[in-house]
C-alpha atoms as a PDB file:
ATOM      1  CA  ILE A   1      -2.933  14.185   5.786  1.00  0.00           C
ATOM      2  CA  ILE A   2      -5.702  14.363   3.199  1.00  0.00           C
ATOM      3  CA  GLU A   3      -8.379  12.293   4.940  1.00  0.00           C
ATOM      4  CA  LYS A   4      -9.025  10.844   8.411  1.00  0.00           C
ATOM      5  CA  SER A   5     -11.762   9.359  10.560  1.00  0.00           C
ATOM      6  CA  SER A   6     -13.986  12.070  12.038  1.00  0.00           C
ATOM      7  CA  GLY A   7     -12.929  11.831  15.694  1.00  0.00           C
ATOM      8  CA  PHE A   8      -9.196  11.438  15.002  1.00  0.00           C
ATOM      9  CA  LYS A   9      -7.320  14.474  16.419  1.00  0.00           C
ATOM     10  CA  GLY A  10      -3.664  15.435  15.933  1.00  0.00           C
ATOM     11  CA  THR A  11      -3.110  13.258  12.868  1.00  0.00           C
ATOM     12  CA  SER A  12      -0.372  15.594  11.580  1.00  0.00           C
ATOM     13  CA  ASN A  13       1.681  14.329  14.548  1.00  0.00           C
ATOM     14  CA  LEU A  14       1.756  10.847  12.996  1.00  0.00           C
ATOM     15  CA  LEU A  15       4.546  12.060  10.699  1.00  0.00           C
ATOM     16  CA  ASN A  16       6.451  13.892  13.426  1.00  0.00           C
ATOM     17  CA  SER A  17       9.413  12.376  15.284  1.00  0.00           C
ATOM     18  CA  ASP A  18       8.706  14.431  18.446  1.00  0.00           C
ATOM     19  CA  LYS A  19       7.751  11.861  21.116  1.00  0.00           C
ATOM     20  CA  ASP A  20       5.773  14.509  23.038  1.00  0.00           C
ATOM     21  CA  ARG A  21       3.276  15.010  20.198  1.00  0.00           C
ATOM     22  CA  TYR A  22       0.596  12.436  19.487  1.00  0.00           C
ATOM     23  CA  ALA A  23      -2.685  11.641  17.765  1.00  0.00           C
ATOM     24  CA  ILE A  24      -5.803  10.616  19.666  1.00  0.00           C
ATOM     25  CA  ALA A  25      -9.119   9.031  18.679  1.00  0.00           C
ATOM     26  CA  PRO A  26     -12.116   7.613  20.546  1.00  0.00           C
ATOM     27  CA  CYS A  27     -11.637   3.896  21.296  1.00  0.00           C
ATOM     28  CA  GLU A  28     -15.026   2.852  19.927  1.00  0.00           C
ATOM     29  CA  GLU A  29     -14.518   4.536  16.544  1.00  0.00           C
ATOM     30  CA  LYS A  30     -12.932   2.833  13.536  1.00  0.00           C
ATOM     31  CA  LYS A  31      -9.756   4.779  12.805  1.00  0.00           C
ATOM     32  CA  PHE A  32      -8.130   5.543   9.466  1.00  0.00           C
ATOM     33  CA  VAL A  33      -5.798   8.107   7.979  1.00  0.00           C
ATOM     34  CA  VAL A  34      -4.813   8.813   4.360  1.00  0.00           C
ATOM     35  CA  ILE A  35      -1.373  10.333   3.858  1.00  0.00           C
ATOM     36  CA  SER A  36      -0.401  11.893   0.538  1.00  0.00           C
ATOM     37  CA  LEU A  37       3.294  12.188  -0.346  1.00  0.00           C
ATOM     38  CA  SER A  38       4.771  14.581  -2.891  1.00  0.00           C
ATOM     39  CA  GLU A  39       6.628  11.818  -4.735  1.00  0.00           C
ATOM     40  CA  ASP A  40       6.455   8.050  -5.134  1.00  0.00           C
ATOM     41  CA  ILE A  41       8.296   5.951  -2.559  1.00  0.00           C
ATOM     42  CA  LEU A  42       8.989   2.272  -1.962  1.00  0.00           C
ATOM     43  CA  VAL A  43       7.679   1.366   1.479  1.00  0.00           C
ATOM     44  CA  LYS A  44       9.754  -1.325   3.153  1.00  0.00           C
ATOM     45  CA  GLN A  45       8.796  -0.841   6.786  1.00  0.00           C
ATOM     46  CA  ILE A  46       6.166   0.782   8.979  1.00  0.00           C
ATOM     47  CA  LYS A  47       7.160   1.940  12.457  1.00  0.00           C
ATOM     48  CA  LEU A  48       4.427   2.139  15.079  1.00  0.00           C
ATOM     49  CA  SER A  49       5.271   4.068  18.253  1.00  0.00           C
ATOM     50  CA  ASN A  50       3.379   4.426  21.510  1.00  0.00           C
ATOM     51  CA  TYR A  51       4.938   6.368  24.391  1.00  0.00           C
ATOM     52  CA  GLU A  52       1.763   7.314  26.259  1.00  0.00           C
ATOM     53  CA  ARG A  53       1.621   5.307  29.467  1.00  0.00           C
ATOM     54  CA  PHE A  54      -2.117   5.204  30.048  1.00  0.00           C
ATOM     55  CA  SER A  55      -3.414   5.089  26.480  1.00  0.00           C
ATOM     56  CA  SER A  56      -4.827   2.125  24.644  1.00  0.00           C
ATOM     57  CA  SER A  57      -2.676   0.595  21.927  1.00  0.00           C
ATOM     58  CA  VAL A  58      -3.180  -0.350  18.320  1.00  0.00           C
ATOM     59  CA  LYS A  59      -3.819  -4.065  18.028  1.00  0.00           C
ATOM     60  CA  ASP A  60      -4.530  -5.017  14.408  1.00  0.00           C
ATOM     61  CA  PHE A  61      -4.060  -2.663  11.474  1.00  0.00           C
ATOM     62  CA  GLN A  62      -4.090  -2.771   7.693  1.00  0.00           C
ATOM     63  CA  VAL A  63      -1.697  -0.896   5.406  1.00  0.00           C
ATOM     64  CA  MET A  64      -2.800   0.044   1.903  1.00  0.00           C
ATOM     65  CA  GLY A  65      -0.957   1.934  -0.827  1.00  0.00           C
ATOM     66  CA  SER A  66      -1.887   3.697  -4.042  1.00  0.00           C
ATOM     67  CA  GLN A  67      -0.173   5.597  -6.830  1.00  0.00           C
ATOM     68  CA  THR A  68      -3.516   7.191  -7.703  1.00  0.00           C
ATOM     69  CA  LEU A  69      -6.026   8.034  -5.002  1.00  0.00           C
ATOM     70  CA  GLY A  70      -8.895   5.563  -5.128  1.00  0.00           C
ATOM     71  CA  LYS A  71      -7.078   2.541  -6.576  1.00  0.00           C
ATOM     72  CA  TRP A  72      -5.781   0.887  -3.411  1.00  0.00           C
ATOM     73  CA  PHE A  73      -3.519  -2.145  -2.996  1.00  0.00           C
ATOM     74  CA  ASP A  74      -3.385  -4.174   0.209  1.00  0.00           C
ATOM     75  CA  LEU A  75       0.168  -4.064   1.592  1.00  0.00           C
ATOM     76  CA  GLY A  76      -0.670  -6.299   4.541  1.00  0.00           C
ATOM     77  CA  THR A  77      -2.500  -6.692   7.820  1.00  0.00           C
ATOM     78  CA  TYR A  78      -0.398  -6.620  10.967  1.00  0.00           C
ATOM     79  CA  SER A  79      -0.802  -7.271  14.696  1.00  0.00           C
ATOM     80  CA  ALA A  80       0.981  -5.059  17.204  1.00  0.00           C
ATOM     81  CA  LYS A  81       2.041  -6.153  20.681  1.00  0.00           C
ATOM     82  CA  SER A  82       0.483  -4.277  23.587  1.00  0.00           C
ATOM     83  CA  GLY A  83       2.738  -1.950  25.538  1.00  0.00           C
ATOM     84  CA  ASN A  84       4.868   1.109  24.999  1.00  0.00           C
ATOM     85  CA  GLY A  85       7.795   1.762  22.709  1.00  0.00           C
ATOM     86  CA  GLU A  86       8.447   1.256  19.012  1.00  0.00           C
ATOM     87  CA  GLN A  87       7.539  -1.691  16.814  1.00  0.00           C
ATOM     88  CA  ILE A  88       8.728  -2.187  13.253  1.00  0.00           C
ATOM     89  CA  PHE A  89       6.752  -4.101  10.655  1.00  0.00           C
ATOM     90  CA  ASP A  90       8.376  -5.257   7.410  1.00  0.00           C
ATOM     91  CA  LEU A  91       6.157  -5.045   4.358  1.00  0.00           C
END
């Protein structure tokens, strides 16, 4: 994680498969996170997971990609269903 919105806590847990670890941010704040990978990848899907019973859920989100930080490409805007569990979005 190389950049995130100021109130976003636990962002390193976004890349962790442990369902008991999570990230949290104030509802009223715009949320973003920038993840840097050590090598180029081809992104085919994004999996969004929410297992916290009483938390708010992501509704609409945008995915952007870049081979060089600063030159971003829009990979799509998606709408998640409310509720718990996993959702998969094809890019």
